[in-house]
Amino acid sequence: MFGGGAGFLYVVALQYTSSETLSFAHSIELVIAVIVGGAGSIVGSILGGLFYVLVPQITNSINPAATTIVEGVVILLVLFLLPGGLASLPRVLARLARRRRGGHNVGSSTAEPALEETKK
């Protein structure tokens, strides 16, 4: 529904469309931006949009031939290391920090006081 509305507004704003306007490659780039950013949050959408706009601009200014390679490496890293996208990075870092500190056993620390209160 949102995609249809966005397409309608796009055509109204430009007063022109063609088959090259949204090619298959463009659609794939948008799906990749969603994967990289993370589909479950607004922050993920913003990060995916930043990836979609900034990474090609930066890599094209350095070496245009490297754009596809850099994008591919980033996509693979995100898929393997952050399945929830870049938006899940703070949660993953917090989990790693907790594990590094030794963490706490959730089951034993919260269940015992509740069990003792029910016995009284």
PDB file of N, CA and C in Angstrom:
ATOM      1  N   MET A   1       0.817  -1.179   0.000  1.00  0.00           N
ATOM      2  CA  MET A   1       0.000   0.000   0.000  1.00  0.00           C
ATOM      3  C   MET A   1       0.870   1.255   0.000  1.00  0.00           C
ATOM      4  N   PHE A   2       1.879   1.263   0.883  1.00  0.00           N
ATOM      5  CA  PHE A   2       2.760   2.429   0.949  1.00  0.00           C
ATOM      6  C   PHE A   2       3.556   2.592  -0.341  1.00  0.00           C
ATOM      7  N   GLY A   3       4.007   1.468  -0.896  1.00  0.00           N
ATOM      8  CA  GLY A   3       4.745   1.523  -2.157  1.00  0.00           C
ATOM      9  C   GLY A   3       3.891   2.078  -3.286  1.00  0.00           C
ATOM     10  N   GLY A   4       2.641   1.663  -3.346  1.00  0.00           N
ATOM     11  CA  GLY A   4       1.737   2.178  -4.374  1.00  0.00           C
ATOM     12  C   GLY A   4       1.493   3.668  -4.208  1.00  0.00           C
ATOM     13  N   GLY A   5       1.296   4.090  -2.949  1.00  0.00           N
ATOM     14  CA  GLY A   5       1.112   5.521  -2.679  1.00  0.00           C
ATOM     15  C   GLY A   5       2.343   6.327  -3.034  1.00  0.00           C
ATOM     16  N   ALA A   6       3.517   5.786  -2.698  1.00  0.00           N
ATOM     17  CA  ALA A   6       4.764   6.481  -3.020  1.00  0.00           C
ATOM     18  C   ALA A   6       4.959   6.566  -4.531  1.00  0.00           C
ATOM     19  N   GLY A   7       4.629   5.497  -5.257  1.00  0.00           N
ATOM     20  CA  GLY A   7       4.744   5.520  -6.706  1.00  0.00           C
ATOM     21  C   GLY A   7       3.802   6.536  -7.330  1.00  0.00           C
ATOM     22  N   PHE A   8       2.586   6.612  -6.806  1.00  0.00           N
ATOM     23  CA  PHE A   8       1.625   7.591  -7.309  1.00  0.00           C
ATOM     24  C   PHE A   8       2.132   9.011  -7.079  1.00  0.00           C
ATOM     25  N   LEU A   9       2.630   9.289  -5.881  1.00  0.00           N
ATOM     26  CA  LEU A   9       3.139  10.629  -5.579  1.00  0.00           C
ATOM     27  C   LEU A   9       4.363  10.963  -6.428  1.00  0.00           C
ATOM     28  N   TYR A  10       5.179   9.955  -6.716  1.00  0.00           N
ATOM     29  CA  TYR A  10       6.354  10.158  -7.561  1.00  0.00           C
ATOM     30  C   TYR A  10       5.938  10.586  -8.968  1.00  0.00           C
ATOM     31  N   VAL A  11       4.949   9.897  -9.516  1.00  0.00           N
ATOM     32  CA  VAL A  11       4.471  10.224 -10.858  1.00  0.00           C
ATOM     33  C   VAL A  11       3.812  11.602 -10.863  1.00  0.00           C
ATOM     34  N   VAL A  12       3.053  11.927  -9.829  1.00  0.00           N
ATOM     35  CA  VAL A  12       2.412  13.241  -9.755  1.00  0.00           C
ATOM     36  C   VAL A  12       3.471  14.339  -9.693  1.00  0.00           C
ATOM     37  N   ALA A  13       4.530  14.127  -8.929  1.00  0.00           N
ATOM     38  CA  ALA A  13       5.571  15.145  -8.777  1.00  0.00           C
ATOM     39  C   ALA A  13       6.372  15.337 -10.061  1.00  0.00           C
ATOM     40  N   LEU A  14       6.718  14.245 -10.751  1.00  0.00           N
ATOM     41  CA  LEU A  14       7.551  14.339 -11.947  1.00  0.00           C
ATOM     42  C   LEU A  14       6.753  14.513 -13.238  1.00  0.00           C
ATOM     43  N   GLN A  15       5.494  14.139 -13.231  1.00  0.00           N
ATOM     44  CA  GLN A  15       4.637  14.203 -14.411  1.00  0.00           C
ATOM     45  C   GLN A  15       5.144  13.335 -15.562  1.00  0.00           C
ATOM     46  N   TYR A  16       6.026  12.363 -15.250  1.00  0.00           N
ATOM     47  CA  TYR A  16       6.563  11.485 -16.279  1.00  0.00           C
ATOM     48  C   TYR A  16       7.095  10.225 -15.620  1.00  0.00           C
ATOM     49  N   THR A  17       6.944   9.119 -16.305  1.00  0.00           N
ATOM     50  CA  THR A  17       7.554   7.881 -15.844  1.00  0.00           C
ATOM     51  C   THR A  17       7.838   6.993 -17.053  1.00  0.00           C
ATOM     52  N   SER A  18       8.778   6.096 -16.854  1.00  0.00           N
ATOM     53  CA  SER A  18       9.112   5.139 -17.909  1.00  0.00           C
ATOM     54  C   SER A  18       9.579   3.853 -17.242  1.00  0.00           C
ATOM     55  N   SER A  19       9.883   2.871 -18.041  1.00  0.00           N
ATOM     56  CA  SER A  19      10.324   1.595 -17.482  1.00  0.00           C
ATOM     57  C   SER A  19      11.708   1.709 -16.844  1.00  0.00           C
ATOM     58  N   GLU A  20      12.491   2.707 -17.226  1.00  0.00           N
ATOM     59  CA  GLU A  20      13.820   2.898 -16.643  1.00  0.00           C
ATOM     60  C   GLU A  20      13.768   3.631 -15.302  1.00  0.00           C
ATOM     61  N   THR A  21      12.618   4.206 -14.969  1.00  0.00           N
ATOM     62  CA  THR A  21      12.505   4.973 -13.727  1.00  0.00           C
ATOM     63  C   THR A  21      12.831   4.112 -12.527  1.00  0.00           C
ATOM     64  N   LEU A  22      12.213   2.962 -12.454  1.00  0.00           N
ATOM     65  CA  LEU A  22      12.489   2.025 -11.361  1.00  0.00           C
ATOM     66  C   LEU A  22      12.844   0.676 -11.978  1.00  0.00           C
ATOM     67  N   SER A  23      14.084   0.535 -12.358  1.00  0.00           N
ATOM     68  CA  SER A  23      14.538  -0.697 -12.989  1.00  0.00           C
ATOM     69  C   SER A  23      14.703  -1.796 -11.940  1.00  0.00           C
ATOM     70  N   PHE A  24      14.950  -2.986 -12.412  1.00  0.00           N
ATOM     71  CA  PHE A  24      15.141  -4.121 -11.510  1.00  0.00           C
ATOM     72  C   PHE A  24      16.355  -3.901 -10.608  1.00  0.00           C
ATOM     73  N   ALA A  25      17.422  -3.360 -11.168  1.00  0.00           N
ATOM     74  CA  ALA A  25      18.637  -3.108 -10.371  1.00  0.00           C
ATOM     75  C   ALA A  25      18.353  -2.094  -9.266  1.00  0.00           C
ATOM     76  N   HIS A  26      17.547  -1.096  -9.570  1.00  0.00           N
ATOM     77  CA  HIS A  26      17.187  -0.100  -8.556  1.00  0.00           C
ATOM     78  C   HIS A  26      16.371  -0.754  -7.438  1.00  0.00           C
ATOM     79  N   SER A  27      15.461  -1.636  -7.792  1.00  0.00           N
ATOM     80  CA  SER A  27      14.662  -2.343  -6.791  1.00  0.00           C
ATOM     81  C   SER A  27      15.550  -3.200  -5.897  1.00  0.00           C
ATOM     82  N   ILE A  28      16.521  -3.861  -6.482  1.00  0.00           N
ATOM     83  CA  ILE A  28      17.449  -4.691  -5.706  1.00  0.00           C
ATOM     84  C   ILE A  28      18.254  -3.818  -4.754  1.00  0.00           C
ATOM     85  N   GLU A  29      18.702  -2.652  -5.207  1.00  0.00           N
ATOM     86  CA  GLU A  29      19.458  -1.744  -4.336  1.00  0.00           C
ATOM     87  C   GLU A  29      18.618  -1.305  -3.139  1.00  0.00           C
ATOM     88  N   LEU A  30      17.334  -1.078  -3.354  1.00  0.00           N
ATOM     89  CA  LEU A  30      16.459  -0.681  -2.254  1.00  0.00           C
ATOM     90  C   LEU A  30      16.263  -1.828  -1.262  1.00  0.00           C
ATOM     91  N   VAL A  31      16.132  -3.042  -1.758  1.00  0.00           N
ATOM     92  CA  VAL A  31      16.002  -4.201  -0.868  1.00  0.00           C
ATOM     93  C   VAL A  31      17.291  -4.383  -0.065  1.00  0.00           C
ATOM     94  N   ILE A  32      18.423  -4.183  -0.695  1.00  0.00           N
ATOM     95  CA  ILE A  32      19.706  -4.299  -0.008  1.00  0.00           C
ATOM     96  C   ILE A  32      19.827  -3.227   1.073  1.00  0.00           C
ATOM     97  N   ALA A  33      19.340  -2.018   0.789  1.00  0.00           N
ATOM     98  CA  ALA A  33      19.364  -0.952   1.795  1.00  0.00           C
ATOM     99  C   ALA A  33      18.523  -1.338   3.001  1.00  0.00           C
ATOM    100  N   VAL A  34      17.402  -1.991   2.783  1.00  0.00           N
ATOM    101  CA  VAL A  34      16.553  -2.444   3.888  1.00  0.00           C
ATOM    102  C   VAL A  34      17.275  -3.523   4.691  1.00  0.00           C
ATOM    103  N   ILE A  35      17.938  -4.433   4.012  1.00  0.00           N
ATOM    104  CA  ILE A  35      18.672  -5.504   4.700  1.00  0.00           C
ATOM    105  C   ILE A  35      19.814  -4.923   5.529  1.00  0.00           C
ATOM    106  N   VAL A  36      20.565  -4.003   4.963  1.00  0.00           N
ATOM    107  CA  VAL A  36      21.713  -3.424   5.656  1.00  0.00           C
ATOM    108  C   VAL A  36      21.256  -2.598   6.856  1.00  0.00           C
ATOM    109  N   GLY A  37      20.233  -1.791   6.688  1.00  0.00           N
ATOM    110  CA  GLY A  37      19.758  -0.947   7.778  1.00  0.00           C
ATOM    111  C   GLY A  37      19.025  -1.732   8.841  1.00  0.00           C
ATOM    112  N   GLY A  38      18.222  -2.655   8.443  1.00  0.00           N
ATOM    113  CA  GLY A  38      17.390  -3.412   9.371  1.00  0.00           C
ATOM    114  C   GLY A  38      15.939  -3.027   9.153  1.00  0.00           C
ATOM    115  N   ALA A  39      15.113  -4.014   8.913  1.00  0.00           N
ATOM    116  CA  ALA A  39      13.734  -3.745   8.536  1.00  0.00           C
ATOM    117  C   ALA A  39      12.808  -3.523   9.719  1.00  0.00           C
ATOM    118  N   GLY A  40      13.256  -3.790  10.926  1.00  0.00           N
ATOM    119  CA  GLY A  40      12.358  -3.763  12.068  1.00  0.00           C
ATOM    120  C   GLY A  40      12.232  -2.441  12.788  1.00  0.00           C
ATOM    121  N   SER A  41      12.894  -1.389  12.334  1.00  0.00           N
ATOM    122  CA  SER A  41      12.841  -0.139  13.090  1.00  0.00           C
ATOM    123  C   SER A  41      13.001   1.071  12.177  1.00  0.00           C
ATOM    124  N   ILE A  42      12.635   2.212  12.703  1.00  0.00           N
ATOM    125  CA  ILE A  42      12.794   3.464  11.965  1.00  0.00           C
ATOM    126  C   ILE A  42      14.273   3.793  11.828  1.00  0.00           C
ATOM    127  N   VAL A  43      15.039   3.535  12.872  1.00  0.00           N
ATOM    128  CA  VAL A  43      16.482   3.775  12.814  1.00  0.00           C
ATOM    129  C   VAL A  43      17.105   2.935  11.705  1.00  0.00           C
ATOM    130  N   GLY A  44      16.654   1.705  11.552  1.00  0.00           N
ATOM    131  CA  GLY A  44      17.149   0.847  10.484  1.00  0.00           C
ATOM    132  C   GLY A  44      16.840   1.412   9.108  1.00  0.00           C
ATOM    133  N   SER A  45      15.664   2.002   8.963  1.00  0.00           N
ATOM    134  CA  SER A  45      15.308   2.624   7.684  1.00  0.00           C
ATOM    135  C   SER A  45      16.219   3.804   7.374  1.00  0.00           C
ATOM    136  N   ILE A  46      16.510   4.595   8.393  1.00  0.00           N
ATOM    137  CA  ILE A  46      17.393   5.746   8.208  1.00  0.00           C
ATOM    138  C   ILE A  46      18.810   5.276   7.859  1.00  0.00           C
ATOM    139  N   LEU A  47      19.300   4.274   8.583  1.00  0.00           N
ATOM    140  CA  LEU A  47      20.633   3.747   8.292  1.00  0.00           C
ATOM    141  C   LEU A  47      20.704   3.125   6.899  1.00  0.00           C
ATOM    142  N   GLY A  48      19.650   2.419   6.497  1.00  0.00           N
ATOM    143  CA  GLY A  48      19.607   1.857   5.146  1.00  0.00           C
ATOM    144  C   GLY A  48      19.599   2.941   4.087  1.00  0.00           C
ATOM    145  N   GLY A  49      18.869   4.013   4.333  1.00  0.00           N
ATOM    146  CA  GLY A  49      18.863   5.140   3.401  1.00  0.00           C
ATOM    147  C   GLY A  49      20.219   5.802   3.299  1.00  0.00           C
ATOM    148  N   LEU A  50      20.885   5.950   4.438  1.00  0.00           N
ATOM    149  CA  LEU A  50      22.234   6.518   4.425  1.00  0.00           C
ATOM    150  C   LEU A  50      23.184   5.620   3.640  1.00  0.00           C
ATOM    151  N   PHE A  51      23.072   4.322   3.838  1.00  0.00           N
ATOM    152  CA  PHE A  51      23.896   3.378   3.081  1.00  0.00           C
ATOM    153  C   PHE A  51      23.615   3.507   1.593  1.00  0.00           C
ATOM    154  N   TYR A  52      22.343   3.596   1.239  1.00  0.00           N
ATOM    155  CA  TYR A  52      21.926   3.665  -0.164  1.00  0.00           C
ATOM    156  C   TYR A  52      22.454   4.917  -0.857  1.00  0.00           C
ATOM    157  N   VAL A  53      22.515   6.024  -0.122  1.00  0.00           N
ATOM    158  CA  VAL A  53      22.929   7.290  -0.729  1.00  0.00           C
ATOM    159  C   VAL A  53      24.432   7.516  -0.601  1.00  0.00           C
ATOM    160  N   LEU A  54      24.986   7.301   0.587  1.00  0.00           N
ATOM    161  CA  LEU A  54      26.366   7.707   0.850  1.00  0.00           C
ATOM    162  C   LEU A  54      27.430   6.752   0.333  1.00  0.00           C
ATOM    163  N   VAL A  55      27.226   5.464   0.481  1.00  0.00           N
ATOM    164  CA  VAL A  55      28.268   4.506   0.095  1.00  0.00           C
ATOM    165  C   VAL A  55      28.606   4.610  -1.395  1.00  0.00           C
ATOM    166  N   PRO A  56      27.630   4.655  -2.303  1.00  0.00           N
ATOM    167  CA  PRO A  56      28.008   4.816  -3.713  1.00  0.00           C
ATOM    168  C   PRO A  56      28.704   6.148  -3.998  1.00  0.00           C
ATOM    169  N   GLN A  57      28.283   7.227  -3.342  1.00  0.00           N
ATOM    170  CA  GLN A  57      28.931   8.517  -3.565  1.00  0.00           C
ATOM    171  C   GLN A  57      30.382   8.500  -3.100  1.00  0.00           C
ATOM    172  N   ILE A  58      30.621   7.945  -1.921  1.00  0.00           N
ATOM    173  CA  ILE A  58      31.977   7.916  -1.370  1.00  0.00           C
ATOM    174  C   ILE A  58      32.872   7.016  -2.212  1.00  0.00           C
ATOM    175  N   THR A  59      32.397   5.822  -2.534  1.00  0.00           N
ATOM    176  CA  THR A  59      33.235   4.902  -3.303  1.00  0.00           C
ATOM    177  C   THR A  59      33.441   5.374  -4.739  1.00  0.00           C
ATOM    178  N   ASN A  60      32.449   6.029  -5.323  1.00  0.00           N
ATOM    179  CA  ASN A  60      32.628   6.566  -6.676  1.00  0.00           C
ATOM    180  C   ASN A  60      33.663   7.678  -6.708  1.00  0.00           C
ATOM    181  N   SER A  61      33.747   8.455  -5.638  1.00  0.00           N
ATOM    182  CA  SER A  61      34.756   9.519  -5.607  1.00  0.00           C
ATOM    183  C   SER A  61      36.167   8.953  -5.442  1.00  0.00           C
ATOM    184  N   ILE A  62      36.289   7.806  -4.810  1.00  0.00           N
ATOM    185  CA  ILE A  62      37.603   7.182  -4.619  1.00  0.00           C
ATOM    186  C   ILE A  62      37.977   6.335  -5.839  1.00  0.00           C
ATOM    187  N   ASN A  63      37.120   5.364  -6.150  1.00  0.00           N
ATOM    188  CA  ASN A  63      37.367   4.466  -7.284  1.00  0.00           C
ATOM    189  C   ASN A  63      36.019   3.922  -7.757  1.00  0.00           C
ATOM    190  N   PRO A  64      35.515   4.378  -8.893  1.00  0.00           N
ATOM    191  CA  PRO A  64      34.199   3.931  -9.362  1.00  0.00           C
ATOM    192  C   PRO A  64      34.085   2.421  -9.552  1.00  0.00           C
ATOM    193  N   ALA A  65      35.180   1.763  -9.858  1.00  0.00           N
ATOM    194  CA  ALA A  65      35.135   0.319 -10.056  1.00  0.00           C
ATOM    195  C   ALA A  65      34.962  -0.430  -8.746  1.00  0.00           C
ATOM    196  N   ALA A  66      35.265   0.215  -7.634  1.00  0.00           N
ATOM    197  CA  ALA A  66      35.196  -0.457  -6.336  1.00  0.00           C
ATOM    198  C   ALA A  66      33.827  -0.366  -5.682  1.00  0.00           C
ATOM    199  N   THR A  67      32.916   0.387  -6.264  1.00  0.00           N
ATOM    200  CA  THR A  67      31.602   0.592  -5.644  1.00  0.00           C
ATOM    201  C   THR A  67      30.878  -0.723  -5.420  1.00  0.00           C
ATOM    202  N   THR A  68      30.784  -1.536  -6.431  1.00  0.00           N
ATOM    203  CA  THR A  68      30.074  -2.809  -6.316  1.00  0.00           C
ATOM    204  C   THR A  68      30.761  -3.739  -5.332  1.00  0.00           C
ATOM    205  N   ILE A  69      32.070  -3.749  -5.335  1.00  0.00           N
ATOM    206  CA  ILE A  69      32.817  -4.621  -4.420  1.00  0.00           C
ATOM    207  C   ILE A  69      32.598  -4.191  -2.976  1.00  0.00           C
ATOM    208  N   VAL A  70      32.686  -2.902  -2.709  1.00  0.00           N
ATOM    209  CA  VAL A  70      32.488  -2.400  -1.343  1.00  0.00           C
ATOM    210  C   VAL A  70      31.072  -2.685  -0.869  1.00  0.00           C
ATOM    211  N   GLU A  71      30.090  -2.434  -1.720  1.00  0.00           N
ATOM    212  CA  GLU A  71      28.710  -2.717  -1.349  1.00  0.00           C
ATOM    213  C   GLU A  71      28.514  -4.202  -1.065  1.00  0.00           C
ATOM    214  N   GLY A  72      29.091  -5.062  -1.889  1.00  0.00           N
ATOM    215  CA  GLY A  72      28.976  -6.506  -1.685  1.00  0.00           C
ATOM    216  C   GLY A  72      29.602  -6.954  -0.380  1.00  0.00           C
ATOM    217  N   VAL A  73      30.776  -6.411  -0.061  1.00  0.00           N
ATOM    218  CA  VAL A  73      31.448  -6.772   1.194  1.00  0.00           C
ATOM    219  C   VAL A  73      30.619  -6.304   2.390  1.00  0.00           C
ATOM    220  N   VAL A  74      30.091  -5.096   2.326  1.00  0.00           N
ATOM    221  CA  VAL A  74      29.268  -4.581   3.428  1.00  0.00           C
ATOM    222  C   VAL A  74      28.025  -5.436   3.604  1.00  0.00           C
ATOM    223  N   ILE A  75      27.385  -5.807   2.509  1.00  0.00           N
ATOM    224  CA  ILE A  75      26.181  -6.634   2.588  1.00  0.00           C
ATOM    225  C   ILE A  75      26.489  -7.987   3.220  1.00  0.00           C
ATOM    226  N   LEU A  76      27.572  -8.614   2.783  1.00  0.00           N
ATOM    227  CA  LEU A  76      27.933  -9.916   3.361  1.00  0.00           C
ATOM    228  C   LEU A  76      28.274  -9.809   4.836  1.00  0.00           C
ATOM    229  N   LEU A  77      29.024  -8.769   5.213  1.00  0.00           N
ATOM    230  CA  LEU A  77      29.356  -8.582   6.630  1.00  0.00           C
ATOM    231  C   LEU A  77      28.105  -8.389   7.475  1.00  0.00           C
ATOM    232  N   VAL A  78      27.184  -7.591   6.979  1.00  0.00           N
ATOM    233  CA  VAL A  78      25.949  -7.355   7.736  1.00  0.00           C
ATOM    234  C   VAL A  78      25.122  -8.635   7.821  1.00  0.00           C
ATOM    235  N   LEU A  79      25.015  -9.361   6.727  1.00  0.00           N
ATOM    236  CA  LEU A  79      24.222 -10.592   6.747  1.00  0.00           C
ATOM    237  C   LEU A  79      24.793 -11.630   7.699  1.00  0.00           C
ATOM    238  N   PHE A  80      26.113 -11.755   7.752  1.00  0.00           N
ATOM    239  CA  PHE A  80      26.718 -12.771   8.603  1.00  0.00           C
ATOM    240  C   PHE A  80      26.895 -12.317  10.049  1.00  0.00           C
ATOM    241  N   LEU A  81      27.248 -11.060  10.260  1.00  0.00           N
ATOM    242  CA  LEU A  81      27.548 -10.593  11.614  1.00  0.00           C
ATOM    243  C   LEU A  81      26.371  -9.919  12.307  1.00  0.00           C
ATOM    244  N   LEU A  82      25.510  -9.259  11.540  1.00  0.00           N
ATOM    245  CA  LEU A  82      24.366  -8.550  12.110  1.00  0.00           C
ATOM    246  C   LEU A  82      23.100  -8.903  11.325  1.00  0.00           C
ATOM    247  N   PRO A  83      22.522 -10.061  11.554  1.00  0.00           N
ATOM    248  CA  PRO A  83      21.338 -10.453  10.778  1.00  0.00           C
ATOM    249  C   PRO A  83      20.166  -9.478  10.924  1.00  0.00           C
ATOM    250  N   GLY A  84      20.131  -8.712  11.999  1.00  0.00           N
ATOM    251  CA  GLY A  84      19.077  -7.718  12.189  1.00  0.00           C
ATOM    252  C   GLY A  84      19.386  -6.385  11.554  1.00  0.00           C
ATOM    253  N   GLY A  85      20.477  -6.287  10.820  1.00  0.00           N
ATOM    254  CA  GLY A  85      20.873  -5.039  10.181  1.00  0.00           C
ATOM    255  C   GLY A  85      21.693  -4.170  11.118  1.00  0.00           C
ATOM    256  N   LEU A  86      22.092  -3.007  10.623  1.00  0.00           N
ATOM    257  CA  LEU A  86      22.908  -2.090  11.423  1.00  0.00           C
ATOM    258  C   LEU A  86      22.157  -1.571  12.645  1.00  0.00           C
ATOM    259  N   ALA A  87      20.832  -1.559  12.583  1.00  0.00           N
ATOM    260  CA  ALA A  87      20.037  -1.093  13.720  1.00  0.00           C
ATOM    261  C   ALA A  87      20.195  -2.010  14.921  1.00  0.00           C
ATOM    262  N   SER A  88      20.577  -3.255  14.716  1.00  0.00           N
ATOM    263  CA  SER A  88      20.755  -4.192  15.829  1.00  0.00           C
ATOM    264  C   SER A  88      22.153  -4.116  16.439  1.00  0.00           C
ATOM    265  N   LEU A  89      23.012  -3.267  15.911  1.00  0.00           N
ATOM    266  CA  LEU A  89      24.389  -3.163  16.404  1.00  0.00           C
ATOM    267  C   LEU A  89      24.473  -2.814  17.890  1.00  0.00           C
ATOM    268  N   PRO A  90      23.724  -1.823  18.422  1.00  0.00           N
ATOM    269  CA  PRO A  90      23.810  -1.540  19.860  1.00  0.00           C
ATOM    270  C   PRO A  90      23.415  -2.734  20.724  1.00  0.00           C
ATOM    271  N   ARG A  91      22.398  -3.471  20.316  1.00  0.00           N
ATOM    272  CA  ARG A  91      21.962  -4.644  21.077  1.00  0.00           C
ATOM    273  C   ARG A  91      23.032  -5.728  21.067  1.00  0.00           C
ATOM    274  N   VAL A  92      23.666  -5.934  19.922  1.00  0.00           N
ATOM    275  CA  VAL A  92      24.723  -6.947  19.810  1.00  0.00           C
ATOM    276  C   VAL A  92      25.934  -6.534  20.646  1.00  0.00           C
ATOM    277  N   LEU A  93      26.313  -5.260  20.602  1.00  0.00           N
ATOM    278  CA  LEU A  93      27.444  -4.787  21.404  1.00  0.00           C
ATOM    279  C   LEU A  93      27.159  -4.900  22.896  1.00  0.00           C
ATOM    280  N   ALA A  94      25.933  -4.608  23.321  1.00  0.00           N
ATOM    281  CA  ALA A  94      25.570  -4.748  24.734  1.00  0.00           C
ATOM    282  C   ALA A  94      25.640  -6.212  25.165  1.00  0.00           C
ATOM    283  N   ARG A  95      25.181  -7.107  24.304  1.00  0.00           N
ATOM    284  CA  ARG A  95      25.239  -8.536  24.627  1.00  0.00           C
ATOM    285  C   ARG A  95      26.682  -9.011  24.740  1.00  0.00           C
ATOM    286  N   LEU A  96      27.545  -8.544  23.830  1.00  0.00           N
ATOM    287  CA  LEU A  96      28.957  -8.931  23.890  1.00  0.00           C
ATOM    288  C   LEU A  96      29.631  -8.363  25.135  1.00  0.00           C
ATOM    289  N   ALA A  97      29.294  -7.130  25.503  1.00  0.00           N
ATOM    290  CA  ALA A  97      29.871  -6.536  26.713  1.00  0.00           C
ATOM    291  C   ALA A  97      29.417  -7.293  27.953  1.00  0.00           C
ATOM    292  N   ARG A  98      28.144  -7.681  28.002  1.00  0.00           N
ATOM    293  CA  ARG A  98      27.627  -8.443  29.129  1.00  0.00           C
ATOM    294  C   ARG A  98      28.326  -9.798  29.230  1.00  0.00           C
ATOM    295  N   ARG A  99      28.526 -10.436  28.082  1.00  0.00           N
ATOM    296  CA  ARG A  99      29.190 -11.735  28.061  1.00  0.00           C
ATOM    297  C   ARG A  99      30.649 -11.600  28.496  1.00  0.00           C
ATOM    298  N   ARG A 100      31.276 -10.491  28.106  1.00  0.00           N
ATOM    299  CA  ARG A 100      32.676 -10.257  28.457  1.00  0.00           C
ATOM    300  C   ARG A 100      32.847 -10.017  29.954  1.00  0.00           C
ATOM    301  N   ARG A 101      31.880  -9.314  30.566  1.00  0.00           N
ATOM    302  CA  ARG A 101      31.932  -9.060  32.014  1.00  0.00           C
ATOM    303  C   ARG A 101      31.568 -10.283  32.824  1.00  0.00           C
ATOM    304  N   GLY A 102      31.113 -11.297  32.197  1.00  0.00           N
ATOM    305  CA  GLY A 102      30.718 -12.490  32.916  1.00  0.00           C
ATOM    306  C   GLY A 102      29.215 -12.611  32.978  1.00  0.00           C
ATOM    307  N   GLY A 103      28.531 -11.503  32.805  1.00  0.00           N
ATOM    308  CA  GLY A 103      27.073 -11.500  32.762  1.00  0.00           C
ATOM    309  C   GLY A 103      26.447 -11.978  34.043  1.00  0.00           C
ATOM    310  N   HIS A 104      25.172 -12.149  34.019  1.00  0.00           N
ATOM    311  CA  HIS A 104      24.459 -12.702  35.149  1.00  0.00           C
ATOM    312  C   HIS A 104      23.474 -13.729  34.637  1.00  0.00           C
ATOM    313  N   ASN A 105      23.193 -14.699  35.451  1.00  0.00           N
ATOM    314  CA  ASN A 105      22.282 -15.754  35.080  1.00  0.00           C
ATOM    315  C   ASN A 105      20.864 -15.284  35.378  1.00  0.00           C
ATOM    316  N   VAL A 106      20.115 -15.007  34.356  1.00  0.00           N
ATOM    317  CA  VAL A 106      18.785 -14.425  34.523  1.00  0.00           C
ATOM    318  C   VAL A 106      17.871 -15.368  35.278  1.00  0.00           C
ATOM    319  N   GLY A 107      17.942 -16.631  34.997  1.00  0.00           N
ATOM    320  CA  GLY A 107      17.041 -17.591  35.622  1.00  0.00           C
ATOM    321  C   GLY A 107      17.217 -17.696  37.118  1.00  0.00           C
ATOM    322  N   SER A 108      18.437 -17.693  37.625  1.00  0.00           N
ATOM    323  CA  SER A 108      18.652 -17.902  39.053  1.00  0.00           C
ATOM    324  C   SER A 108      18.446 -16.630  39.857  1.00  0.00           C
ATOM    325  N   SER A 109      18.803 -15.469  39.332  1.00  0.00           N
ATOM    326  CA  SER A 109      18.734 -14.247  40.127  1.00  0.00           C
ATOM    327  C   SER A 109      17.312 -13.728  40.261  1.00  0.00           C
ATOM    328  N   THR A 110      16.459 -13.955  39.290  1.00  0.00           N
ATOM    329  CA  THR A 110      15.104 -13.420  39.367  1.00  0.00           C
ATOM    330  C   THR A 110      14.108 -14.434  39.889  1.00  0.00           C
ATOM    331  N   ALA A 111      14.355 -15.709  39.699  1.00  0.00           N
ATOM    332  CA  ALA A 111      13.383 -16.720  40.100  1.00  0.00           C
ATOM    333  C   ALA A 111      13.454 -17.027  41.592  1.00  0.00           C
ATOM    334  N   GLU A 112      14.620 -17.001  42.193  1.00  0.00           N
ATOM    335  CA  GLU A 112      14.752 -17.352  43.595  1.00  0.00           C
ATOM    336  C   GLU A 112      14.018 -16.415  44.538  1.00  0.00           C
ATOM    337  N   PRO A 113      14.137 -15.070  44.412  1.00  0.00           N
ATOM    338  CA  PRO A 113      13.376 -14.205  45.304  1.00  0.00           C
ATOM    339  C   PRO A 113      11.881 -14.380  45.133  1.00  0.00           C
ATOM    340  N   ALA A 114      11.405 -14.581  43.924  1.00  0.00           N
ATOM    341  CA  ALA A 114       9.980 -14.771  43.712  1.00  0.00           C
ATOM    342  C   ALA A 114       9.518 -16.093  44.331  1.00  0.00           C
ATOM    343  N   LEU A 115      10.337 -17.111  44.266  1.00  0.00           N
ATOM    344  CA  LEU A 115      10.010 -18.400  44.828  1.00  0.00           C
ATOM    345  C   LEU A 115       9.975 -18.315  46.348  1.00  0.00           C
ATOM    346  N   GLU A 116      10.921 -17.584  46.960  1.00  0.00           N
ATOM    347  CA  GLU A 116      10.949 -17.437  48.404  1.00  0.00           C
ATOM    348  C   GLU A 116       9.738 -16.667  48.912  1.00  0.00           C
ATOM    349  N   GLU A 117       9.277 -15.652  48.157  1.00  0.00           N
ATOM    350  CA  GLU A 117       8.117 -14.877  48.567  1.00  0.00           C
ATOM    351  C   GLU A 117       6.845 -15.712  48.505  1.00  0.00           C
ATOM    352  N   THR A 118       6.738 -16.623  47.574  1.00  0.00           N
ATOM    353  CA  THR A 118       5.539 -17.447  47.476  1.00  0.00           C
ATOM    354  C   THR A 118       5.494 -18.497  48.577  1.00  0.00           C
ATOM    355  N   LYS A 119       6.658 -18.888  49.115  1.00  0.00           N
ATOM    356  CA  LYS A 119       6.699 -19.871  50.197  1.00  0.00           C
ATOM    357  C   LYS A 119       6.244 -19.264  51.524  1.00  0.00           C
ATOM    358  N   LYS A 120       6.431 -17.933  51.680  1.00  0.00           N
ATOM    359  CA  LYS A 120       6.062 -17.274  52.934  1.00  0.00           C
ATOM    360  C   LYS A 120       4.604 -17.095  52.993  1.00  0.00           C
TER     361      LYS A 120
END
